[in-house]
Amino acid sequence: MIDKLMIYEIKGIEKDLLEEGNIPMLTIYLGDQEGMEEIISMEESLMYERQLQKGSKVVIGPDGNLFPLSMAENLGMLDEEQEIPGICLQQQGNWQAEWMENYMDALEEMDDLLKPQ
């Protein structure tokens, strides 16, 4: 796990001029709660894949690319005690276990319905 990461909000996105044969890139303008600003460049396809847009809350990962908070938490990048406005990491991190428990309950109910009475 990485030490506490700075959480940013995407403030603006600009499409870079594309030279022939190059990968489409974007320039992303970030800001945090303390007014710090950061500018990074990232592949357009990766931004689309991660469903990032203006207003998204993100962290900068070890590879220099942006990760939405939910993905960063699921990958173990965030400290469990790290406060994130509007997101409870403990609840968010348990969604897989909760889903599996509900799935197993549904299977048991189906099994009970299919047993000869």
Protein backbone atom coordinates (compact mmCIF):
# COMPACT_ATOMS: atom_id res chain seq x y z
CA MET A 1 0.00 0.00 0.00
CA ILE A 2 1.21 3.48 -0.85
CA ASP A 3 1.32 6.29 1.72
CA LYS A 4 -1.61 8.67 1.64
CA LEU A 5 -2.13 9.87 -1.91
CA MET A 6 -3.22 13.36 -2.82
CA ILE A 7 -6.81 13.38 -4.03
CA TYR A 8 -7.48 15.70 -6.95
CA GLU A 9 -10.49 16.86 -8.92
CA ILE A 10 -10.28 17.12 -12.70
CA LYS A 11 -10.73 20.84 -13.41
CA GLY A 12 -10.21 20.78 -17.16
CA ILE A 13 -9.28 18.57 -20.11
CA GLU A 14 -7.67 19.61 -23.38
CA LYS A 15 -7.06 17.43 -26.40
CA ASP A 16 -3.42 17.61 -27.54
CA LEU A 17 -2.58 18.24 -31.17
CA LEU A 18 -2.19 14.85 -32.81
CA GLU A 19 0.78 14.20 -35.01
CA GLU A 20 0.45 11.40 -37.52
CA GLY A 21 1.22 8.00 -36.02
CA ASN A 22 1.05 9.20 -32.40
CA ILE A 23 -1.35 8.02 -29.70
CA PRO A 24 -4.16 10.53 -28.96
CA MET A 25 -3.24 12.31 -25.71
CA LEU A 26 -5.03 14.68 -23.36
CA THR A 27 -3.71 17.37 -21.03
CA ILE A 28 -5.55 17.17 -17.72
CA TYR A 29 -5.69 20.04 -15.22
CA LEU A 30 -6.10 18.93 -11.60
CA GLY A 31 -6.80 20.79 -8.37
CA ASP A 32 -6.99 19.71 -4.74
CA GLN A 33 -8.70 21.06 -1.62
CA GLU A 34 -5.67 23.15 -0.62
CA GLY A 35 -5.56 24.92 -3.97
CA MET A 36 -2.58 22.97 -5.28
CA GLU A 37 -2.67 22.42 -9.02
CA GLU A 38 -1.16 19.71 -11.18
CA ILE A 39 -1.03 19.21 -14.93
CA ILE A 40 -0.53 15.76 -16.41
CA SER A 41 -0.75 14.14 -19.83
CA MET A 42 -2.61 10.86 -20.33
CA GLU A 43 -3.79 8.69 -23.22
CA GLU A 44 -7.29 9.57 -24.36
CA SER A 45 -8.33 5.89 -24.54
CA LEU A 46 -7.31 5.32 -20.91
CA MET A 47 -9.32 8.33 -19.76
CA TYR A 48 -12.35 6.94 -21.62
CA GLU A 49 -11.80 3.41 -20.27
CA ARG A 50 -11.67 4.72 -16.69
CA GLN A 51 -14.71 6.96 -17.31
CA LEU A 52 -12.88 10.08 -16.16
CA GLN A 53 -14.31 13.50 -16.90
CA LYS A 54 -14.30 17.05 -15.60
CA GLY A 55 -15.29 16.95 -11.91
CA SER A 56 -14.07 13.35 -11.33
CA LYS A 57 -12.15 12.74 -8.09
CA VAL A 58 -8.87 10.99 -8.87
CA VAL A 59 -5.41 10.07 -7.62
CA ILE A 60 -2.20 9.93 -9.59
CA GLY A 61 -1.02 6.32 -9.61
CA PRO A 62 2.54 5.02 -9.47
CA ASP A 63 2.61 4.90 -13.28
CA GLY A 64 1.75 8.62 -13.52
CA ASN A 65 -1.77 7.98 -14.84
CA LEU A 66 -5.04 8.96 -13.18
CA PHE A 67 -7.18 6.48 -11.29
CA PRO A 68 -10.76 7.11 -10.15
CA LEU A 69 -11.07 6.79 -6.37
CA SER A 70 -13.09 3.57 -6.52
CA MET A 71 -10.43 1.88 -8.69
CA ALA A 72 -7.58 3.19 -6.52
CA GLU A 73 -9.28 1.84 -3.41
CA ASN A 74 -9.97 -1.56 -4.99
CA LEU A 75 -6.31 -1.78 -6.04
CA GLY A 76 -5.18 -1.05 -2.48
CA MET A 77 -3.66 2.31 -3.37
CA LEU A 78 -5.50 4.28 -0.67
CA ASP A 79 -4.91 4.20 3.06
CA GLU A 80 -7.99 2.79 4.83
CA GLU A 81 -7.98 5.73 7.27
CA GLN A 82 -7.74 8.29 4.47
CA GLU A 83 -10.74 10.60 4.56
CA ILE A 84 -12.47 11.05 1.23
CA PRO A 85 -15.47 13.35 1.04
CA GLY A 86 -18.59 11.43 0.01
CA ILE A 87 -16.93 8.01 0.00
CA CYS A 88 -16.70 5.50 2.81
CA LEU A 89 -13.77 3.26 1.92
CA GLN A 90 -14.75 0.51 4.33
CA GLN A 91 -18.22 0.24 2.82
CA GLN A 92 -16.89 0.58 -0.70
CA GLY A 93 -14.21 -2.08 -0.16
CA ASN A 94 -16.77 -4.62 1.04
CA TRP A 95 -18.99 -4.53 -2.06
CA GLN A 96 -17.48 -7.73 -3.46
CA ALA A 97 -17.98 -9.68 -0.23
CA GLU A 98 -21.52 -8.37 0.11
CA TRP A 99 -22.30 -9.29 -3.51
CA MET A 100 -20.92 -12.82 -3.00
CA GLU A 101 -22.94 -13.27 0.19
CA ASN A 102 -26.15 -12.19 -1.59
CA TYR A 103 -25.33 -14.50 -4.50
CA MET A 104 -24.79 -17.48 -2.21
CA ASP A 105 -28.06 -16.71 -0.38
CA ALA A 106 -29.90 -16.67 -3.71
CA LEU A 107 -28.35 -20.02 -4.67
CA GLU A 108 -29.46 -21.55 -1.37
CA GLU A 109 -33.00 -20.24 -1.90
CA MET A 110 -33.07 -21.72 -5.40
CA ASP A 111 -31.76 -25.03 -4.08
CA ASP A 112 -34.52 -25.07 -1.43
CA LEU A 113 -37.18 -24.38 -4.08
CA LEU A 114 -35.92 -27.18 -6.32
CA LYS A 115 -35.80 -29.84 -3.58
CA PRO A 116 -38.69 -32.31 -3.69
CA GLN A 117 -41.18 -31.49 -0.96
